Amino acid sequence: MRKKIAILGSTGSIGQNTLNIIKKNKKDFEILLLSTNSNISKVFKQAQKFKVKNIIVNDIKKFKQAKNKSKKLNINIYNKFDDIKKILKKKKLYYSMISISGIDGLKPTLELIKYTKNLAIVNKESLICGWNLINKDLIKYKTNFIPIDSEHFSIFSLLKSHSINEIEQIYITASGGPFINLPIKKFSKIKPKDALKHPNWKMGKKITIDSATLMNKVFEVIEARNIFNIGYQQISILTHPKSYIHAIIKFKNGLTKFLAHEPDMKIPIYNSLYQLDNKTYKTNKLDFDILNNLNLKRVDIKKFPLVKLLNNLPNEPSLFETVLITINDYLVFKFLENKINFKKLNNLILKISNFKEFQKYKKIKAKNVDDIYLLRGYVRSKMDALGI
């Protein structure tokens, strides 16, 4: 019997990678639901190729266009993630992939937990801002959680048969993006087109800029703290330009383990789909040239000052993480619009996140999704008032 799955954010890079794997293993999976924000052309092609009968389109204008087109194709079109309960009813999915970007991915994550046996998430914002809500529902509905970011999937894999109490230190790696070897005196001349040239990964614009500033690693440390319930003092970042080693764990018994694979997101996705099966996934031979020159280094704080944010984060999940994500999102898009330069992007994130009116949220936990969404709106309004 084919395993029933759903992919939210199927037209993005992670969604497409997931579908590319399923394309070669159609006999193993049946897709019940796909979603997109606005790319209706692509999602309809996906639905036809994989015989999917249910699609969620979030953008209201695109939803109306899709509604007209769907009648001819015998596909059910929905506009809200609340409709998941109508689509799935009492069906239990084997696997769900959440690859929606932004905090808007939190509500559908919480909705889908109820209907799936395994939940794979690549949405940083949900895991950072809403982890306490997600974890509560994972326990309530007995849903298995699988992190898909290569670093967290690597930690997840390395920790099998180990407990958190055995860990001395976790190291996650960062490529350093396009500026790892750029002299700091040239940072003032960095343009958006330069920051978008990631040497190893193909990603969306927003996450590529976060990689260039290393803000993505700040977020990944917060994710690791949440997912693995381990203190910040036990998580470190190392730069590793080749992106071949994704995580290293030093255990208290003297052993150190690391996980290596090519910089290809299909590898963690494939292993999450076939986590209990001994299936073969063809990759290149082990690269001894890279292993003989790993070039692992501590982060250069002068080049990547945002890593300093980790020194002042609250030990427990709080609403401050929502503040931090909102400030970063706002300023990254200002940089992409050429409203601020690269150095100012870094400086403003550090400065604004330290405002007294935002610091108070370090002591407040999110009680529900509305707390997070309302705070996001408040922070955006405050950013608008600054006139950046």
Protein backbone atom coordinates (compact mmCIF):
# COMPACT_ATOMS: atom_id res chain seq x y z
CA MET A 1 0.00 0.00 0.00
CA ARG A 2 1.30 3.45 -0.93
CA LYS A 3 1.99 5.84 1.94
CA LYS A 4 -0.20 8.96 2.00
CA ILE A 5 1.64 12.28 2.20
CA ALA A 6 1.11 16.06 2.00
CA ILE A 7 3.54 18.75 0.87
CA LEU A 8 2.89 22.34 1.95
CA GLY A 9 4.99 24.76 -0.09
CA SER A 10 5.37 22.33 -2.99
CA THR A 11 6.47 24.99 -5.52
CA GLY A 12 9.49 26.09 -3.46
CA SER A 13 12.93 24.48 -3.65
CA ILE A 14 12.36 21.99 -0.80
CA GLY A 15 8.91 21.07 -2.10
CA GLN A 16 10.31 20.50 -5.59
CA ASN A 17 13.17 18.39 -4.23
CA THR A 18 10.65 16.28 -2.32
CA LEU A 19 8.60 15.75 -5.47
CA ASN A 20 11.72 14.87 -7.47
CA ILE A 21 12.41 12.05 -5.01
CA ILE A 22 8.79 10.85 -5.12
CA LYS A 23 8.84 10.96 -8.94
CA LYS A 24 11.40 8.15 -8.89
CA ASN A 25 9.47 6.23 -6.22
CA LYS A 26 5.83 6.71 -7.24
CA LYS A 27 4.91 3.18 -6.21
CA ASP A 28 5.73 4.05 -2.59
CA PHE A 29 3.73 7.28 -2.11
CA GLU A 30 0.33 8.83 -2.78
CA ILE A 31 0.14 12.64 -2.48
CA LEU A 32 -3.18 13.87 -1.06
CA LEU A 33 -2.40 17.58 -0.75
CA LEU A 34 -0.15 20.26 -2.25
CA SER A 35 -0.01 23.98 -1.47
CA THR A 36 1.42 27.17 -2.91
CA ASN A 37 1.17 30.83 -2.09
CA SER A 38 0.72 32.08 -5.65
CA ASN A 39 2.50 29.87 -8.22
CA ILE A 40 -0.66 28.25 -9.60
CA SER A 41 0.90 27.35 -12.94
CA LYS A 42 3.54 25.19 -11.27
CA VAL A 43 1.25 23.65 -8.64
CA PHE A 44 -1.27 22.59 -11.32
CA LYS A 45 1.50 20.88 -13.29
CA GLN A 46 2.58 19.10 -10.10
CA ALA A 47 -0.98 18.05 -9.33
CA GLN A 48 -1.49 16.62 -12.82
CA LYS A 49 1.85 14.80 -12.81
CA PHE A 50 1.23 13.17 -9.42
CA LYS A 51 -2.58 12.86 -9.71
CA VAL A 52 -3.19 15.09 -6.67
CA LYS A 53 -6.83 16.03 -6.07
CA ASN A 54 -6.42 18.77 -3.44
CA ILE A 55 -4.54 22.09 -3.64
CA ILE A 56 -4.41 25.06 -1.27
CA VAL A 57 -3.64 28.46 -2.85
CA ASN A 58 -3.13 31.21 -0.26
CA ASP A 59 -3.08 34.32 -2.45
CA ILE A 60 -6.75 35.33 -2.87
CA LYS A 61 -6.38 36.62 -6.45
CA LYS A 62 -4.51 33.52 -7.55
CA PHE A 63 -7.02 31.36 -5.69
CA LYS A 64 -9.86 32.82 -7.76
CA GLN A 65 -7.91 32.17 -10.98
CA ALA A 66 -7.12 28.64 -9.84
CA LYS A 67 -10.77 28.01 -8.94
CA ASN A 68 -11.84 28.62 -12.54
CA LYS A 69 -9.09 26.43 -13.94
CA SER A 70 -9.67 23.58 -11.48
CA LYS A 71 -13.17 22.76 -12.78
CA LYS A 72 -11.74 21.39 -16.02
CA LEU A 73 -9.06 19.38 -14.22
CA ASN A 74 -11.26 17.81 -11.52
CA ILE A 75 -9.09 19.23 -8.72
CA ASN A 76 -10.38 20.65 -5.42
CA ILE A 77 -9.05 24.15 -4.71
CA TYR A 78 -8.97 25.70 -1.25
CA ASN A 79 -7.80 29.09 0.00
CA LYS A 80 -7.12 28.53 3.70
CA PHE A 81 -5.04 26.09 5.72
CA ASP A 82 -8.05 25.76 8.02
CA ASP A 83 -9.50 23.65 5.20
CA ILE A 84 -6.97 20.88 5.96
CA LYS A 85 -9.56 19.33 8.25
CA LYS A 86 -12.06 19.26 5.35
CA ILE A 87 -9.53 17.73 2.98
CA LEU A 88 -8.17 15.04 5.27
CA LYS A 89 -11.16 14.51 7.59
CA LYS A 90 -10.28 11.35 9.51
CA LYS A 91 -7.45 10.24 7.20
CA LYS A 92 -4.06 9.73 8.81
CA LEU A 93 -1.10 10.73 6.67
CA TYR A 94 2.16 8.83 6.89
CA TYR A 95 4.29 11.92 6.19
CA SER A 96 3.88 15.68 5.84
CA MET A 97 6.48 18.14 4.58
CA ILE A 98 6.18 21.74 5.80
CA SER A 99 8.33 23.87 3.50
CA ILE A 100 6.38 27.14 3.67
CA SER A 101 8.62 30.14 4.34
CA GLY A 102 8.03 32.67 7.10
CA ILE A 103 6.03 32.71 10.32
CA ASP A 104 2.91 32.12 8.22
CA GLY A 105 3.98 28.47 8.20
CA LEU A 106 3.16 28.08 11.90
CA LYS A 107 -0.65 27.78 11.69
CA PRO A 108 -0.62 25.07 8.99
CA THR A 109 2.07 23.22 10.94
CA LEU A 110 -0.14 23.10 14.01
CA GLU A 111 -3.12 22.04 11.89
CA LEU A 112 -1.28 19.26 10.09
CA ILE A 113 0.20 17.73 13.25
CA LYS A 114 -3.25 16.32 14.03
CA TYR A 115 -3.39 14.31 10.81
CA THR A 116 0.11 12.98 10.25
CA LYS A 117 2.28 10.24 11.71
CA ASN A 118 5.54 11.94 10.69
CA LEU A 119 6.07 15.69 10.42
CA ALA A 120 9.07 17.02 8.48
CA ILE A 121 9.72 20.74 8.91
CA VAL A 122 12.13 23.04 7.11
CA ASN A 123 10.40 26.22 8.30
CA LYS A 124 12.87 28.03 10.58
CA GLU A 125 10.40 30.65 11.74
CA SER A 126 7.90 28.13 13.07
CA LEU A 127 10.56 26.17 14.93
CA ILE A 128 12.03 29.34 16.42
CA CYS A 129 8.90 31.32 17.31
CA GLY A 130 6.39 28.56 17.97
CA TRP A 131 8.37 25.55 19.17
CA ASN A 132 6.63 25.36 22.54
CA LEU A 133 3.25 25.25 20.72
CA ILE A 134 4.49 22.71 18.17
CA ASN A 135 6.10 20.45 20.76
CA LYS A 136 2.97 20.46 22.91
CA ASP A 137 0.90 19.23 19.93
CA LEU A 138 3.52 16.69 18.85
CA ILE A 139 3.17 15.07 22.26
CA LYS A 140 -0.62 15.39 22.30
CA TYR A 141 -1.13 13.75 18.88
CA LYS A 142 1.82 11.33 19.16
CA THR A 143 3.40 12.69 15.98
CA ASN A 144 7.04 11.99 15.12
CA PHE A 145 9.08 15.10 14.34
CA ILE A 146 11.88 15.16 11.75
CA PRO A 147 14.01 18.31 11.24
CA ILE A 148 15.05 18.71 7.60
CA ASP A 149 17.69 21.46 7.69
CA SER A 150 20.92 19.61 7.01
CA GLU A 151 22.47 20.66 10.33
CA HIS A 152 19.54 19.59 12.47
CA PHE A 153 18.91 16.43 10.50
CA SER A 154 22.57 15.57 11.08
CA ILE A 155 22.30 16.16 14.84
CA PHE A 156 19.04 14.17 14.85
CA SER A 157 20.81 11.28 13.08
CA LEU A 158 23.93 11.38 15.25
CA LEU A 159 21.85 11.31 18.44
CA LYS A 160 20.13 8.03 17.66
CA SER A 161 20.85 5.66 20.56
CA HIS A 162 22.23 8.60 22.59
CA SER A 163 20.66 10.89 25.18
CA ILE A 164 21.11 14.64 25.53
CA ASN A 165 22.87 14.07 28.86
CA GLU A 166 25.75 12.35 27.02
CA ILE A 167 26.60 15.50 24.99
CA GLU A 168 29.55 17.71 25.83
CA GLN A 169 29.30 20.03 22.80
CA ILE A 170 27.42 20.31 19.50
CA TYR A 171 29.01 22.08 16.54
CA ILE A 172 26.99 23.18 13.53
CA THR A 173 28.80 24.32 10.41
CA ALA A 174 28.40 27.41 8.26
CA SER A 175 29.75 27.83 4.76
CA GLY A 176 30.33 31.53 5.42
CA GLY A 177 28.43 32.31 2.23
CA PRO A 178 30.07 34.34 -0.54
CA PHE A 179 32.11 36.54 1.83
CA ILE A 180 34.05 34.03 3.89
CA ASN A 181 37.31 35.04 2.20
CA LEU A 182 36.45 38.67 1.39
CA PRO A 183 38.64 41.23 3.21
CA ILE A 184 36.56 43.13 5.76
CA LYS A 185 37.56 46.49 4.24
CA LYS A 186 35.50 45.55 1.16
CA PHE A 187 32.30 44.81 3.11
CA SER A 188 31.06 48.40 2.68
CA LYS A 189 30.88 47.84 -1.10
CA ILE A 190 28.79 44.65 -1.00
CA LYS A 191 25.69 44.82 -3.22
CA PRO A 192 22.60 42.55 -3.09
CA LYS A 193 23.72 40.80 -6.29
CA ASP A 194 27.02 39.90 -4.55
CA ALA A 195 25.29 38.58 -1.43
CA LEU A 196 22.98 36.41 -3.54
CA LYS A 197 25.87 34.38 -5.00
CA HIS A 198 25.95 31.50 -2.53
CA PRO A 199 28.86 29.17 -3.38
CA ASN A 200 27.23 25.86 -2.38
CA TRP A 201 23.43 26.01 -2.07
CA LYS A 202 20.57 27.12 -4.31
CA MET A 203 18.07 28.89 -2.08
CA GLY A 204 15.55 31.73 -2.08
CA LYS A 205 16.76 35.33 -1.85
CA LYS A 206 15.88 35.88 1.81
CA ILE A 207 17.64 32.79 3.17
CA THR A 208 20.65 33.46 0.88
CA ILE A 209 21.12 36.91 2.44
CA ASP A 210 20.77 35.34 5.91
CA SER A 211 23.55 32.96 4.93
CA ALA A 212 25.75 35.87 3.84
CA THR A 213 25.32 37.60 7.24
CA LEU A 214 25.37 34.29 9.17
CA MET A 215 21.99 35.22 10.67
CA ASN A 216 20.79 31.84 9.41
CA LYS A 217 23.25 30.22 11.84
CA VAL A 218 21.98 32.32 14.71
CA PHE A 219 18.53 31.01 13.87
CA GLU A 220 19.82 27.44 13.55
CA VAL A 221 21.39 27.60 17.00
CA ILE A 222 18.02 28.74 18.40
CA GLU A 223 16.35 25.85 16.52
CA ALA A 224 18.88 23.37 17.92
CA ARG A 225 18.30 24.70 21.45
CA ASN A 226 14.55 24.19 20.99
CA ILE A 227 14.52 20.85 19.17
CA PHE A 228 17.14 19.09 21.28
CA ASN A 229 16.45 20.87 24.58
CA ILE A 230 20.08 21.78 25.13
CA GLY A 231 21.65 25.00 26.45
CA TYR A 232 23.20 27.65 24.20
CA GLN A 233 26.56 27.16 25.92
CA GLN A 234 26.67 23.63 24.44
CA ILE A 235 26.12 24.74 20.83
CA SER A 236 28.89 26.30 18.74
CA ILE A 237 29.25 27.47 15.13
CA LEU A 238 32.22 26.60 12.93
CA THR A 239 32.82 27.96 9.44
CA HIS A 240 33.36 25.23 6.85
CA PRO A 241 33.39 26.60 3.27
CA LYS A 242 32.74 23.27 1.51
CA SER A 243 29.49 22.47 3.39
CA TYR A 244 30.45 18.79 3.51
CA ILE A 245 30.37 18.30 7.28
CA HIS A 246 27.01 19.44 8.67
CA ALA A 247 27.26 18.71 12.39
CA ILE A 248 29.76 17.44 14.93
CA ILE A 249 28.91 16.09 18.38
CA LYS A 250 31.54 15.65 21.09
CA PHE A 251 30.28 13.21 23.71
CA LYS A 252 31.28 13.10 27.37
CA ASN A 253 32.73 9.60 26.93
CA GLY A 254 35.55 10.98 24.75
CA LEU A 255 34.01 10.03 21.39
CA THR A 256 33.35 12.62 18.69
CA LYS A 257 31.01 11.90 15.78
CA PHE A 258 30.34 13.94 12.68
CA LEU A 259 27.99 13.58 9.73
CA ALA A 260 29.08 14.34 6.17
CA HIS A 261 27.20 14.51 2.89
CA GLU A 262 27.19 16.57 -0.28
CA PRO A 263 25.45 19.97 -0.07
CA ASP A 264 22.22 18.54 -1.49
CA MET A 265 18.93 18.88 0.41
CA LYS A 266 17.54 15.80 -1.30
CA ILE A 267 19.71 13.67 1.00
CA PRO A 268 18.02 14.63 4.32
CA ILE A 269 14.62 14.70 2.57
CA TYR A 270 15.13 11.19 1.16
CA ASN A 271 16.25 9.85 4.52
CA SER A 272 13.25 11.41 6.25
CA LEU A 273 10.87 9.75 3.77
CA TYR A 274 12.60 6.38 4.13
CA GLN A 275 13.66 6.67 7.77
CA LEU A 276 12.70 3.08 8.62
CA ASP A 277 13.64 1.49 5.29
CA ASN A 278 17.05 0.38 4.13
CA LYS A 279 16.76 2.03 0.71
CA THR A 280 19.67 3.06 -1.52
CA TYR A 281 20.16 6.67 -2.58
CA LYS A 282 22.89 7.12 -5.18
CA THR A 283 25.41 9.86 -4.48
CA ASN A 284 28.98 10.65 -5.46
CA LYS A 285 31.88 8.77 -3.89
CA LEU A 286 33.31 10.06 -0.64
CA ASP A 287 35.38 13.18 -1.36
CA PHE A 288 38.75 12.59 0.33
CA ASP A 289 40.11 15.92 -0.93
CA ILE A 290 37.51 17.73 1.18
CA LEU A 291 37.95 15.41 4.16
CA ASN A 292 41.71 16.04 4.09
CA ASN A 293 41.11 19.79 4.18
CA LEU A 294 37.97 20.46 6.21
CA ASN A 295 39.11 24.01 7.07
CA LEU A 296 36.93 24.21 10.20
CA LYS A 297 37.34 27.53 12.02
CA ARG A 298 35.75 29.63 14.72
CA VAL A 299 33.55 32.42 13.35
CA ASP A 300 35.26 35.73 12.57
CA ILE A 301 33.05 38.07 14.66
CA LYS A 302 34.34 41.18 12.86
CA LYS A 303 33.04 39.82 9.54
CA PHE A 304 29.90 38.25 10.99
CA PRO A 305 28.89 40.42 13.98
CA LEU A 306 25.33 39.04 14.14
CA VAL A 307 26.66 35.91 15.85
CA LYS A 308 27.06 38.11 18.94
CA LEU A 309 23.27 38.01 19.29
CA LEU A 310 23.64 34.51 20.75
CA ASN A 311 25.35 35.94 23.84
CA ASN A 312 22.17 37.63 25.06
CA LEU A 313 19.31 35.30 24.15
CA PRO A 314 16.96 34.01 26.86
CA ASN A 315 17.59 30.44 27.99
CA GLU A 316 13.96 29.46 27.48
CA PRO A 317 11.77 29.96 24.35
CA SER A 318 10.21 33.44 24.41
CA LEU A 319 8.48 36.02 22.24
CA PHE A 320 11.82 37.78 21.75
CA GLU A 321 12.65 35.28 19.00
CA THR A 322 9.61 36.60 17.09
CA VAL A 323 10.96 40.14 17.54
CA LEU A 324 14.36 39.08 16.21
CA ILE A 325 12.97 37.30 13.16
CA THR A 326 10.67 40.21 12.31
CA ILE A 327 13.47 42.78 12.56
CA ASN A 328 15.74 40.64 10.40
CA ASP A 329 13.05 39.99 7.77
CA TYR A 330 12.22 43.69 7.55
CA LEU A 331 15.83 44.81 7.15
CA VAL A 332 16.85 42.04 4.72
CA PHE A 333 14.16 43.21 2.32
CA LYS A 334 15.35 46.82 2.73
CA PHE A 335 18.82 45.60 1.74
CA LEU A 336 17.44 43.71 -1.27
CA GLU A 337 15.66 46.93 -2.32
CA ASN A 338 18.99 48.84 -2.02
CA LYS A 339 17.56 51.02 0.76
CA ILE A 340 20.42 50.11 3.13
CA ASN A 341 23.91 48.71 2.56
CA PHE A 342 25.31 45.42 3.88
CA LYS A 343 27.15 46.91 6.87
CA LYS A 344 24.07 48.91 7.87
CA LEU A 345 21.96 45.75 7.62
CA ASN A 346 24.14 44.11 10.26
CA ASN A 347 24.42 47.20 12.45
CA LEU A 348 20.69 47.93 12.46
CA ILE A 349 19.76 44.35 13.40
CA LEU A 350 22.09 44.56 16.41
CA LYS A 351 20.96 48.04 17.39
CA ILE A 352 17.17 47.67 17.00
CA SER A 353 16.96 44.23 18.61
CA ASN A 354 18.53 45.83 21.70
CA PHE A 355 15.77 48.45 22.06
CA LYS A 356 14.33 48.39 25.58
CA GLU A 357 10.75 48.04 24.28
CA PHE A 358 11.76 44.78 22.54
CA GLN A 359 14.01 43.37 25.27
CA LYS A 360 11.03 42.92 27.61
CA TYR A 361 9.74 40.07 25.39
CA LYS A 362 12.63 37.89 26.57
CA LYS A 363 10.57 37.20 29.68
CA ILE A 364 7.27 36.44 27.89
CA LYS A 365 6.28 33.09 26.36
CA ALA A 366 3.85 32.69 23.47
CA LYS A 367 0.59 31.24 24.76
CA ASN A 368 -0.91 30.80 21.30
CA VAL A 369 -0.37 31.58 17.61
CA ASP A 370 -2.14 34.94 17.88
CA ASP A 371 0.49 36.16 20.38
CA ILE A 372 3.15 35.59 17.73
CA TYR A 373 1.25 37.08 14.81
CA LEU A 374 0.15 40.16 16.79
CA LEU A 375 3.71 40.80 17.97
CA ARG A 376 5.00 40.49 14.40
CA GLY A 377 2.55 43.21 13.33
CA TYR A 378 3.55 45.43 16.25
CA VAL A 379 7.28 45.12 15.48
CA ARG A 380 6.67 45.85 11.80
CA SER A 381 4.76 49.01 12.70
CA LYS A 382 7.64 50.12 14.93
CA MET A 383 10.10 49.47 12.09
CA ASP A 384 7.94 51.51 9.70
CA ALA A 385 7.95 54.38 12.18
CA LEU A 386 11.75 54.42 12.12
CA GLY A 387 11.59 55.43 8.43
CA ILE A 388 14.44 53.19 7.29
